[in-house]
Amino acid sequence: MLAVWGQYDEIFGPEGAHAFSRDLPNAHIELHPGGHFLLESGLEAAAAVIRSFLSEAVGWMGNAVLSAPPTPTV
């Protein structure tokens, strides 16, 4: 589980992010300079963390096009 969080978020403060690690000890918590709308103020940094996490967690390549599995024929 990944939480990318704005360290200056006044609505859901950093303690909210750290609460995940109490329930999920393997949670990965990333606090970044920014507020509640972190993806607006720190998109590039947040996206880099998300890409890295997905790459390590599920082998996602970041540039692959995902497609639906073929429909089985009857």
N, C-alpha and C. Protein backbone atom coordinates (compact mmCIF):
# COMPACT_ATOMS: atom_id res chain seq x y z
N MET A 1 0.84 -1.15 0.00
CA MET A 1 0.00 0.00 0.00
C MET A 1 0.89 1.23 0.00
N LEU A 2 0.55 2.19 -0.82
CA LEU A 2 1.31 3.43 -0.94
C LEU A 2 0.42 4.60 -0.58
N ALA A 3 0.92 5.51 0.24
CA ALA A 3 0.26 6.79 0.53
C ALA A 3 1.25 7.90 0.19
N VAL A 4 0.92 8.68 -0.82
CA VAL A 4 1.71 9.87 -1.19
C VAL A 4 0.91 11.05 -0.67
N TRP A 5 1.48 11.78 0.28
CA TRP A 5 0.71 12.71 1.09
C TRP A 5 1.38 14.08 1.13
N GLY A 6 0.58 15.13 1.16
CA GLY A 6 1.11 16.48 1.34
C GLY A 6 1.43 16.73 2.80
N GLN A 7 2.66 17.05 3.09
CA GLN A 7 3.06 17.21 4.49
C GLN A 7 2.42 18.44 5.15
N TYR A 8 1.88 19.36 4.35
CA TYR A 8 1.22 20.55 4.90
C TYR A 8 -0.29 20.48 4.72
N ASP A 9 -0.82 19.30 4.48
CA ASP A 9 -2.25 19.12 4.29
C ASP A 9 -2.97 19.51 5.58
N GLU A 10 -3.82 20.54 5.51
CA GLU A 10 -4.54 21.00 6.70
C GLU A 10 -5.86 20.26 6.90
N ILE A 11 -6.27 19.48 5.91
CA ILE A 11 -7.53 18.74 6.03
C ILE A 11 -7.26 17.34 6.58
N PHE A 12 -6.32 16.63 5.97
CA PHE A 12 -5.90 15.32 6.44
C PHE A 12 -4.39 15.41 6.68
N GLY A 13 -4.00 15.76 7.87
CA GLY A 13 -2.60 15.97 8.19
C GLY A 13 -1.74 14.73 8.05
N PRO A 14 -0.43 14.90 8.17
CA PRO A 14 0.50 13.77 8.03
C PRO A 14 0.20 12.61 8.96
N GLU A 15 -0.39 12.90 10.12
CA GLU A 15 -0.72 11.80 11.03
C GLU A 15 -1.73 10.84 10.38
N GLY A 16 -2.53 11.34 9.46
CA GLY A 16 -3.45 10.48 8.73
C GLY A 16 -2.71 9.49 7.85
N ALA A 17 -1.63 9.93 7.24
CA ALA A 17 -0.82 9.03 6.42
C ALA A 17 -0.15 7.97 7.29
N HIS A 18 0.38 8.41 8.41
CA HIS A 18 1.07 7.47 9.30
C HIS A 18 0.12 6.46 9.92
N ALA A 19 -1.17 6.79 9.99
CA ALA A 19 -2.15 5.84 10.53
C ALA A 19 -2.21 4.58 9.67
N PHE A 20 -1.98 4.72 8.36
CA PHE A 20 -1.97 3.54 7.49
C PHE A 20 -0.92 2.53 7.96
N SER A 21 0.25 3.02 8.38
CA SER A 21 1.32 2.10 8.76
C SER A 21 1.02 1.38 10.07
N ARG A 22 0.13 1.94 10.88
CA ARG A 22 -0.27 1.21 12.09
C ARG A 22 -1.14 0.01 11.73
N ASP A 23 -1.99 0.18 10.73
CA ASP A 23 -2.88 -0.91 10.32
C ASP A 23 -2.20 -1.85 9.32
N LEU A 24 -1.33 -1.30 8.50
CA LEU A 24 -0.62 -2.07 7.46
C LEU A 24 0.87 -1.84 7.63
N PRO A 25 1.55 -2.67 8.41
CA PRO A 25 2.97 -2.44 8.72
C PRO A 25 3.87 -2.31 7.50
N ASN A 26 3.48 -2.89 6.37
CA ASN A 26 4.31 -2.79 5.16
C ASN A 26 3.94 -1.60 4.28
N ALA A 27 3.07 -0.72 4.77
CA ALA A 27 2.66 0.44 3.99
C ALA A 27 3.87 1.34 3.73
N HIS A 28 3.89 1.91 2.55
CA HIS A 28 4.95 2.83 2.17
C HIS A 28 4.36 4.24 2.21
N ILE A 29 4.87 5.07 3.12
CA ILE A 29 4.35 6.42 3.31
C ILE A 29 5.35 7.43 2.77
N GLU A 30 4.89 8.31 1.90
CA GLU A 30 5.73 9.36 1.32
C GLU A 30 5.09 10.70 1.61
N LEU A 31 5.76 11.55 2.38
CA LEU A 31 5.30 12.91 2.63
C LEU A 31 6.09 13.86 1.73
N HIS A 32 5.36 14.72 1.02
CA HIS A 32 6.00 15.65 0.09
C HIS A 32 5.56 17.07 0.40
N PRO A 33 6.42 18.05 0.10
CA PRO A 33 6.03 19.43 0.32
C PRO A 33 4.76 19.73 -0.49
N GLY A 34 3.73 20.11 0.18
CA GLY A 34 2.47 20.42 -0.48
C GLY A 34 1.33 20.27 0.49
N GLY A 35 0.16 20.65 0.02
CA GLY A 35 -1.03 20.60 0.85
C GLY A 35 -1.97 19.50 0.44
N HIS A 36 -3.26 19.77 0.61
CA HIS A 36 -4.30 18.79 0.36
C HIS A 36 -4.36 18.37 -1.11
N PHE A 37 -4.05 19.28 -2.00
CA PHE A 37 -4.10 18.98 -3.44
C PHE A 37 -2.69 18.75 -3.97
N LEU A 38 -2.03 17.75 -3.42
CA LEU A 38 -0.63 17.47 -3.74
C LEU A 38 -0.42 17.22 -5.23
N LEU A 39 -1.35 16.56 -5.88
CA LEU A 39 -1.17 16.27 -7.31
C LEU A 39 -1.21 17.54 -8.15
N GLU A 40 -1.79 18.60 -7.64
CA GLU A 40 -1.77 19.87 -8.37
C GLU A 40 -0.48 20.63 -8.13
N SER A 41 0.04 20.56 -6.92
CA SER A 41 1.24 21.33 -6.59
C SER A 41 2.53 20.55 -6.76
N GLY A 42 2.47 19.24 -6.73
CA GLY A 42 3.68 18.44 -6.81
C GLY A 42 3.51 17.21 -7.68
N LEU A 43 2.86 17.38 -8.82
CA LEU A 43 2.53 16.25 -9.68
C LEU A 43 3.73 15.42 -10.08
N GLU A 44 4.78 16.06 -10.56
CA GLU A 44 5.94 15.31 -11.08
C GLU A 44 6.56 14.43 -10.00
N ALA A 45 6.77 14.99 -8.81
CA ALA A 45 7.38 14.21 -7.73
C ALA A 45 6.46 13.07 -7.28
N ALA A 46 5.16 13.37 -7.14
CA ALA A 46 4.21 12.33 -6.72
C ALA A 46 4.11 11.23 -7.77
N ALA A 47 4.06 11.62 -9.04
CA ALA A 47 3.96 10.62 -10.11
C ALA A 47 5.20 9.73 -10.15
N ALA A 48 6.36 10.31 -9.90
CA ALA A 48 7.60 9.51 -9.89
C ALA A 48 7.55 8.46 -8.78
N VAL A 49 7.04 8.84 -7.62
CA VAL A 49 6.93 7.90 -6.51
C VAL A 49 5.93 6.79 -6.85
N ILE A 50 4.81 7.17 -7.45
CA ILE A 50 3.78 6.18 -7.82
C ILE A 50 4.32 5.22 -8.87
N ARG A 51 5.00 5.75 -9.88
CA ARG A 51 5.59 4.88 -10.91
C ARG A 51 6.59 3.90 -10.31
N SER A 52 7.45 4.40 -9.46
CA SER A 52 8.45 3.54 -8.83
C SER A 52 7.78 2.45 -7.99
N PHE A 53 6.78 2.83 -7.21
CA PHE A 53 6.08 1.86 -6.38
C PHE A 53 5.42 0.78 -7.24
N LEU A 54 4.72 1.19 -8.30
CA LEU A 54 4.06 0.22 -9.17
C LEU A 54 5.07 -0.68 -9.86
N SER A 55 6.19 -0.12 -10.25
CA SER A 55 7.22 -0.91 -10.91
C SER A 55 7.75 -2.00 -9.98
N GLU A 56 7.98 -1.64 -8.73
CA GLU A 56 8.50 -2.60 -7.76
C GLU A 56 7.42 -3.58 -7.31
N ALA A 57 6.19 -3.09 -7.13
CA ALA A 57 5.13 -3.92 -6.56
C ALA A 57 4.55 -4.91 -7.56
N VAL A 58 4.35 -4.46 -8.80
CA VAL A 58 3.68 -5.33 -9.77
C VAL A 58 4.39 -5.41 -11.11
N GLY A 59 5.55 -4.84 -11.21
CA GLY A 59 6.30 -4.91 -12.44
C GLY A 59 5.75 -4.03 -13.55
N TRP A 60 5.00 -3.00 -13.18
CA TRP A 60 4.42 -2.09 -14.17
C TRP A 60 5.54 -1.29 -14.82
N MET A 61 5.50 -1.17 -16.13
CA MET A 61 6.59 -0.51 -16.86
C MET A 61 6.35 0.99 -17.06
N GLY A 62 5.15 1.46 -16.91
CA GLY A 62 4.89 2.88 -17.02
C GLY A 62 4.60 3.35 -18.43
N ASN A 63 5.07 2.65 -19.42
CA ASN A 63 4.81 3.06 -20.79
C ASN A 63 4.08 1.97 -21.57
N ALA A 64 3.73 0.90 -20.89
CA ALA A 64 3.03 -0.20 -21.56
C ALA A 64 1.54 0.17 -21.72
N VAL A 65 0.97 -0.25 -22.79
CA VAL A 65 -0.44 -0.06 -23.02
C VAL A 65 -1.16 -1.30 -22.53
N LEU A 66 -2.08 -1.11 -21.61
CA LEU A 66 -2.82 -2.24 -21.08
C LEU A 66 -4.05 -2.47 -21.93
N SER A 67 -4.33 -3.70 -22.22
CA SER A 67 -5.51 -4.01 -23.01
C SER A 67 -6.31 -5.09 -22.31
N ALA A 68 -7.57 -5.16 -22.65
CA ALA A 68 -8.44 -6.17 -22.06
C ALA A 68 -8.04 -7.54 -22.59
N PRO A 69 -8.24 -8.57 -21.79
CA PRO A 69 -7.94 -9.93 -22.27
C PRO A 69 -8.88 -10.28 -23.42
N PRO A 70 -8.46 -11.20 -24.29
CA PRO A 70 -9.33 -11.58 -25.39
C PRO A 70 -10.63 -12.20 -24.90
N THR A 71 -11.68 -11.98 -25.65
CA THR A 71 -12.98 -12.56 -25.29
C THR A 71 -12.99 -14.02 -25.69
N PRO A 72 -13.34 -14.89 -24.76
CA PRO A 72 -13.35 -16.33 -25.10
C PRO A 72 -14.43 -16.63 -26.15
N THR A 73 -14.12 -17.53 -27.02
CA THR A 73 -15.11 -17.96 -28.01
C THR A 73 -15.83 -19.18 -27.48
N VAL A 74 -17.07 -19.29 -27.84
CA VAL A 74 -17.89 -20.41 -27.34
C VAL A 74 -18.06 -21.46 -28.41
